[in-house]
N, C-alpha and C. Protein backbone atom coordinates (compact mmCIF):
# COMPACT_ATOMS: atom_id res chain seq x y z
N UNK A 1 102.79 130.33 116.49
CA UNK A 1 102.72 130.16 115.05
C UNK A 1 102.83 128.68 114.66
N UNK A 2 103.56 127.87 115.45
CA UNK A 2 103.73 126.46 115.13
C UNK A 2 102.40 125.73 114.99
N UNK A 3 101.48 126.00 115.90
CA UNK A 3 100.17 125.34 115.89
C UNK A 3 99.39 125.71 114.63
N UNK A 4 99.44 126.98 114.25
CA UNK A 4 98.76 127.45 113.05
C UNK A 4 99.30 126.73 111.81
N UNK A 5 100.62 126.64 111.71
CA UNK A 5 101.26 125.99 110.56
C UNK A 5 100.89 124.51 110.52
N UNK A 6 100.86 123.84 111.67
CA UNK A 6 100.51 122.41 111.72
C UNK A 6 99.09 122.19 111.19
N UNK A 7 98.16 123.03 111.59
CA UNK A 7 96.76 122.88 111.16
C UNK A 7 96.63 123.18 109.66
N UNK A 8 97.24 124.24 109.21
CA UNK A 8 97.11 124.58 107.79
C UNK A 8 97.82 123.58 106.88
N UNK A 9 98.95 123.04 107.33
CA UNK A 9 99.62 122.00 106.54
C UNK A 9 98.77 120.73 106.50
N UNK A 10 98.11 120.42 107.60
CA UNK A 10 97.29 119.21 107.65
C UNK A 10 96.16 119.26 106.63
N UNK A 11 95.65 120.43 106.37
CA UNK A 11 94.50 120.55 105.47
C UNK A 11 94.94 120.94 104.05
N UNK A 12 96.24 120.95 103.82
CA UNK A 12 96.75 121.40 102.51
C UNK A 12 96.72 120.32 101.44
N UNK A 13 96.37 119.11 101.79
CA UNK A 13 96.32 118.02 100.83
C UNK A 13 94.88 117.75 100.41
N UNK A 14 94.60 117.60 99.12
CA UNK A 14 93.22 117.37 98.67
C UNK A 14 92.56 116.15 99.31
N UNK A 15 93.31 115.06 99.49
CA UNK A 15 92.71 113.88 100.11
C UNK A 15 92.34 114.13 101.58
N UNK A 16 93.12 114.92 102.26
CA UNK A 16 92.80 115.24 103.66
C UNK A 16 91.58 116.14 103.74
N UNK A 17 91.43 117.05 102.80
CA UNK A 17 90.21 117.87 102.75
C UNK A 17 89.00 116.97 102.53
N UNK A 18 89.13 116.02 101.62
CA UNK A 18 88.02 115.09 101.34
C UNK A 18 87.68 114.27 102.58
N UNK A 19 88.69 113.83 103.31
CA UNK A 19 88.44 113.06 104.53
C UNK A 19 87.65 113.90 105.53
N UNK A 20 88.04 115.13 105.72
CA UNK A 20 87.32 116.01 106.65
C UNK A 20 85.88 116.20 106.17
N UNK A 21 85.68 116.41 104.89
CA UNK A 21 84.32 116.59 104.36
C UNK A 21 83.48 115.32 104.56
N UNK A 22 84.08 114.14 104.39
CA UNK A 22 83.36 112.88 104.63
C UNK A 22 82.96 112.76 106.09
N UNK A 23 83.90 113.08 106.97
CA UNK A 23 83.65 112.92 108.40
C UNK A 23 82.63 113.93 108.93
N UNK A 24 82.32 114.93 108.15
CA UNK A 24 81.24 115.85 108.53
C UNK A 24 79.89 115.13 108.48
N UNK A 25 79.83 114.06 107.70
CA UNK A 25 78.57 113.35 107.48
C UNK A 25 78.42 112.09 108.32
N UNK A 26 79.54 111.41 108.60
CA UNK A 26 79.44 110.20 109.43
C UNK A 26 80.83 109.77 109.91
N UNK A 27 80.83 109.00 110.99
CA UNK A 27 82.07 108.38 111.48
C UNK A 27 82.44 107.29 110.50
N UNK A 28 83.72 107.12 110.28
CA UNK A 28 84.16 106.14 109.28
C UNK A 28 85.41 105.42 109.74
N UNK A 29 85.59 104.20 109.24
CA UNK A 29 86.83 103.46 109.47
C UNK A 29 87.74 103.65 108.25
N UNK A 30 88.97 103.20 108.39
CA UNK A 30 89.95 103.36 107.32
C UNK A 30 89.48 102.70 106.02
N UNK A 31 88.89 101.50 106.13
CA UNK A 31 88.50 100.80 104.89
C UNK A 31 87.39 101.55 104.14
N UNK A 32 86.50 102.22 104.87
CA UNK A 32 85.44 102.99 104.21
C UNK A 32 86.03 104.21 103.50
N UNK A 33 86.96 104.88 104.16
CA UNK A 33 87.62 106.04 103.56
C UNK A 33 88.43 105.61 102.34
N UNK A 34 89.13 104.50 102.47
CA UNK A 34 89.92 103.94 101.36
C UNK A 34 89.02 103.67 100.15
N UNK A 35 87.86 103.09 100.40
CA UNK A 35 86.94 102.76 99.30
C UNK A 35 86.47 104.01 98.56
N UNK A 36 86.21 105.07 99.28
CA UNK A 36 85.75 106.29 98.63
C UNK A 36 86.87 107.04 97.91
N UNK A 37 88.03 107.10 98.54
CA UNK A 37 89.14 107.87 97.94
C UNK A 37 89.88 107.08 96.87
N UNK A 38 89.72 105.74 96.88
CA UNK A 38 90.43 104.90 95.92
C UNK A 38 91.95 105.07 96.03
N UNK A 39 92.45 105.07 97.28
CA UNK A 39 93.89 105.13 97.53
C UNK A 39 94.24 103.99 98.48
N UNK A 40 95.52 103.69 98.62
CA UNK A 40 95.98 102.59 99.45
C UNK A 40 95.71 102.83 100.93
N UNK A 41 95.50 101.74 101.66
CA UNK A 41 95.23 101.82 103.10
C UNK A 41 96.33 102.54 103.87
N UNK A 42 97.63 102.27 103.59
CA UNK A 42 98.67 103.01 104.31
C UNK A 42 98.59 104.53 104.08
N UNK A 43 98.20 104.92 102.88
CA UNK A 43 98.05 106.36 102.58
C UNK A 43 96.92 106.96 103.41
N UNK A 44 95.80 106.25 103.49
CA UNK A 44 94.67 106.73 104.30
C UNK A 44 95.10 106.87 105.75
N UNK A 45 95.79 105.87 106.27
CA UNK A 45 96.25 105.90 107.66
C UNK A 45 97.19 107.07 107.91
N UNK A 46 98.07 107.33 106.96
CA UNK A 46 99.00 108.46 107.10
C UNK A 46 98.24 109.78 107.12
N UNK A 47 97.28 109.94 106.23
CA UNK A 47 96.47 111.16 106.20
C UNK A 47 95.72 111.35 107.51
N UNK A 48 95.14 110.27 108.03
CA UNK A 48 94.40 110.36 109.28
C UNK A 48 95.31 110.73 110.45
N UNK A 49 96.51 110.20 110.47
CA UNK A 49 97.47 110.52 111.53
C UNK A 49 97.82 112.01 111.50
N UNK A 50 98.03 112.55 110.32
CA UNK A 50 98.35 113.99 110.18
C UNK A 50 97.17 114.83 110.66
N UNK A 51 95.96 114.45 110.26
CA UNK A 51 94.77 115.20 110.68
C UNK A 51 94.56 115.09 112.19
N UNK A 52 94.85 113.92 112.74
CA UNK A 52 94.70 113.72 114.18
C UNK A 52 95.73 114.55 114.96
N UNK A 53 96.96 114.57 114.49
CA UNK A 53 98.01 115.35 115.15
C UNK A 53 97.72 116.85 115.12
N UNK A 54 96.99 117.28 114.12
CA UNK A 54 96.64 118.71 114.00
C UNK A 54 95.38 119.06 114.81
N UNK A 55 94.74 118.06 115.39
CA UNK A 55 93.54 118.31 116.18
C UNK A 55 92.27 118.44 115.36
N UNK A 56 92.30 117.96 114.13
CA UNK A 56 91.14 118.06 113.26
C UNK A 56 90.27 116.81 113.30
N UNK A 57 90.88 115.67 113.62
CA UNK A 57 90.19 114.38 113.61
C UNK A 57 90.50 113.65 114.91
N UNK A 58 89.53 112.90 115.39
CA UNK A 58 89.71 112.05 116.55
C UNK A 58 89.36 110.63 116.20
N UNK A 59 89.70 109.70 117.07
CA UNK A 59 89.39 108.30 116.81
C UNK A 59 89.04 107.60 118.11
N UNK A 60 88.27 106.53 117.97
CA UNK A 60 87.97 105.69 119.12
C UNK A 60 87.80 104.25 118.66
N UNK A 61 88.31 103.35 119.47
CA UNK A 61 88.22 101.93 119.16
C UNK A 61 86.84 101.42 119.55
N UNK A 62 86.27 100.61 118.65
CA UNK A 62 84.96 100.01 118.90
C UNK A 62 85.02 98.56 118.42
N UNK A 63 85.43 97.67 119.30
CA UNK A 63 85.60 96.27 118.92
C UNK A 63 86.69 96.13 117.88
N UNK A 64 86.34 95.58 116.72
CA UNK A 64 87.30 95.40 115.63
C UNK A 64 87.63 96.70 114.91
N UNK A 65 86.80 97.70 115.08
CA UNK A 65 86.89 98.92 114.28
C UNK A 65 87.58 100.04 115.05
N UNK A 66 88.22 100.91 114.30
CA UNK A 66 88.64 102.21 114.82
C UNK A 66 87.81 103.22 114.05
N UNK A 67 86.96 103.93 114.76
CA UNK A 67 86.08 104.92 114.14
C UNK A 67 86.73 106.29 114.19
N UNK A 68 86.79 106.94 113.04
CA UNK A 68 87.34 108.29 112.95
C UNK A 68 86.18 109.27 112.86
N UNK A 69 86.36 110.41 113.49
CA UNK A 69 85.33 111.45 113.53
C UNK A 69 86.01 112.80 113.58
N UNK A 70 85.25 113.84 113.28
CA UNK A 70 85.80 115.18 113.40
C UNK A 70 86.03 115.49 114.87
N UNK A 71 87.12 116.15 115.15
CA UNK A 71 87.41 116.58 116.51
C UNK A 71 86.50 117.75 116.86
N UNK A 72 86.42 118.04 118.13
CA UNK A 72 85.57 119.16 118.56
C UNK A 72 86.28 120.51 118.48
N UNK A 73 87.57 120.48 118.13
CA UNK A 73 88.32 121.71 117.97
C UNK A 73 88.87 122.27 119.27
N UNK A 74 88.69 121.54 120.37
CA UNK A 74 89.13 122.07 121.67
C UNK A 74 90.65 122.09 121.83
N UNK A 75 91.36 121.34 121.02
CA UNK A 75 92.82 121.28 121.16
C UNK A 75 93.52 122.50 120.55
N UNK A 76 92.82 123.21 119.68
CA UNK A 76 93.45 124.35 119.00
C UNK A 76 92.39 125.30 118.47
N UNK A 77 92.56 126.60 118.72
CA UNK A 77 91.61 127.56 118.15
C UNK A 77 91.66 127.57 116.62
N UNK A 78 92.81 127.24 116.06
CA UNK A 78 92.95 127.20 114.61
C UNK A 78 92.18 126.02 114.03
N UNK A 79 92.28 124.87 114.70
CA UNK A 79 91.52 123.70 114.26
C UNK A 79 90.03 123.96 114.37
N UNK A 80 89.61 124.57 115.49
CA UNK A 80 88.19 124.87 115.69
C UNK A 80 87.66 125.79 114.60
N UNK A 81 88.41 126.83 114.30
CA UNK A 81 88.00 127.79 113.28
C UNK A 81 87.94 127.15 111.90
N UNK A 82 88.95 126.37 111.58
CA UNK A 82 88.99 125.71 110.27
C UNK A 82 87.85 124.72 110.12
N UNK A 83 87.61 123.91 111.15
CA UNK A 83 86.52 122.94 111.08
C UNK A 83 85.16 123.63 110.94
N UNK A 84 84.99 124.73 111.64
CA UNK A 84 83.74 125.48 111.53
C UNK A 84 83.53 126.05 110.14
N UNK A 85 84.58 126.59 109.56
CA UNK A 85 84.47 127.17 108.22
C UNK A 85 84.32 126.09 107.14
N UNK A 86 85.01 124.98 107.31
CA UNK A 86 84.92 123.91 106.30
C UNK A 86 83.52 123.33 106.19
N UNK A 87 82.70 123.49 107.21
CA UNK A 87 81.31 123.03 107.13
C UNK A 87 80.58 123.73 105.99
N UNK A 88 80.99 124.96 105.69
CA UNK A 88 80.32 125.77 104.68
C UNK A 88 81.09 125.83 103.36
N UNK A 89 82.37 125.56 103.42
CA UNK A 89 83.20 125.65 102.23
C UNK A 89 83.09 124.38 101.39
N UNK A 90 83.25 124.51 100.11
CA UNK A 90 83.35 123.43 99.13
C UNK A 90 82.07 122.63 98.92
N UNK A 91 80.96 123.09 99.45
CA UNK A 91 79.70 122.36 99.25
C UNK A 91 79.28 122.36 97.79
N UNK A 92 79.77 123.30 97.02
CA UNK A 92 79.42 123.36 95.59
C UNK A 92 80.49 122.73 94.69
N UNK A 93 81.51 122.13 95.30
CA UNK A 93 82.56 121.48 94.53
C UNK A 93 82.03 120.15 93.97
N UNK A 94 82.09 119.94 92.65
CA UNK A 94 81.52 118.73 92.05
C UNK A 94 82.14 117.43 92.58
N UNK A 95 83.43 117.42 92.79
CA UNK A 95 84.11 116.22 93.28
C UNK A 95 83.66 115.87 94.70
N UNK A 96 83.56 116.87 95.54
CA UNK A 96 83.09 116.66 96.92
C UNK A 96 81.63 116.20 96.89
N UNK A 97 80.82 116.83 96.07
CA UNK A 97 79.40 116.47 95.98
C UNK A 97 79.21 115.02 95.54
N UNK A 98 79.98 114.57 94.56
CA UNK A 98 79.89 113.17 94.09
C UNK A 98 80.27 112.20 95.21
N UNK A 99 81.29 112.56 95.95
CA UNK A 99 81.76 111.71 97.03
C UNK A 99 80.70 111.61 98.14
N UNK A 100 80.09 112.72 98.49
CA UNK A 100 79.08 112.76 99.55
C UNK A 100 77.84 111.94 99.16
N UNK A 101 77.49 111.96 97.88
CA UNK A 101 76.35 111.18 97.40
C UNK A 101 76.60 109.68 97.59
N UNK A 102 77.86 109.25 97.48
CA UNK A 102 78.20 107.83 97.61
C UNK A 102 78.25 107.36 99.07
N UNK A 103 78.37 108.29 100.00
CA UNK A 103 78.54 107.92 101.42
C UNK A 103 77.50 106.95 101.97
N UNK A 104 76.22 107.13 101.72
CA UNK A 104 75.24 106.21 102.31
C UNK A 104 75.39 104.76 101.86
N UNK A 105 76.00 104.53 100.71
CA UNK A 105 76.17 103.17 100.19
C UNK A 105 77.44 102.49 100.71
N UNK A 106 78.25 103.23 101.45
CA UNK A 106 79.51 102.68 101.96
C UNK A 106 79.25 102.05 103.33
N UNK A 107 79.47 100.74 103.41
CA UNK A 107 79.27 99.99 104.66
C UNK A 107 80.50 99.14 104.93
N UNK A 108 81.10 99.34 106.07
CA UNK A 108 82.33 98.63 106.42
C UNK A 108 82.20 97.12 106.37
N UNK A 109 81.04 96.61 106.73
CA UNK A 109 80.83 95.15 106.73
C UNK A 109 80.97 94.58 105.31
N UNK A 110 80.54 95.34 104.33
CA UNK A 110 80.65 94.89 102.93
C UNK A 110 82.07 95.05 102.40
N UNK A 111 82.72 96.12 102.80
CA UNK A 111 84.04 96.45 102.26
C UNK A 111 85.13 95.61 102.91
N UNK A 112 85.09 95.53 104.23
CA UNK A 112 86.18 94.88 104.97
C UNK A 112 86.02 93.36 105.06
N UNK A 113 84.82 92.86 104.84
CA UNK A 113 84.55 91.42 104.86
C UNK A 113 85.00 90.76 106.16
N UNK A 114 84.71 91.43 107.27
CA UNK A 114 85.10 90.90 108.59
C UNK A 114 83.95 90.11 109.16
């Protein structure tokens, strides 16, 4: 039951749901997620850590960047099931739809100024 609770708690925050929905479309760094959610960088990092601990999100270092992506769900059957269902859920939500429309214009090079 502990694993189930960890996964469901991880997805219980609206910003974490938005992060998962964004990562369905592309790999992103913290600064790109921050720009879309309009929240502080430490908050984004905390949300990503919770999602990563639940097996919903993975990360890999690429030079200066840490790229976040959806996990494959292999760490937990609950994470796998939730990720599979979330692909179909909330597609008609206006807030999610507005956010997804903005994704192609988000470029880390412009935002992070590195």
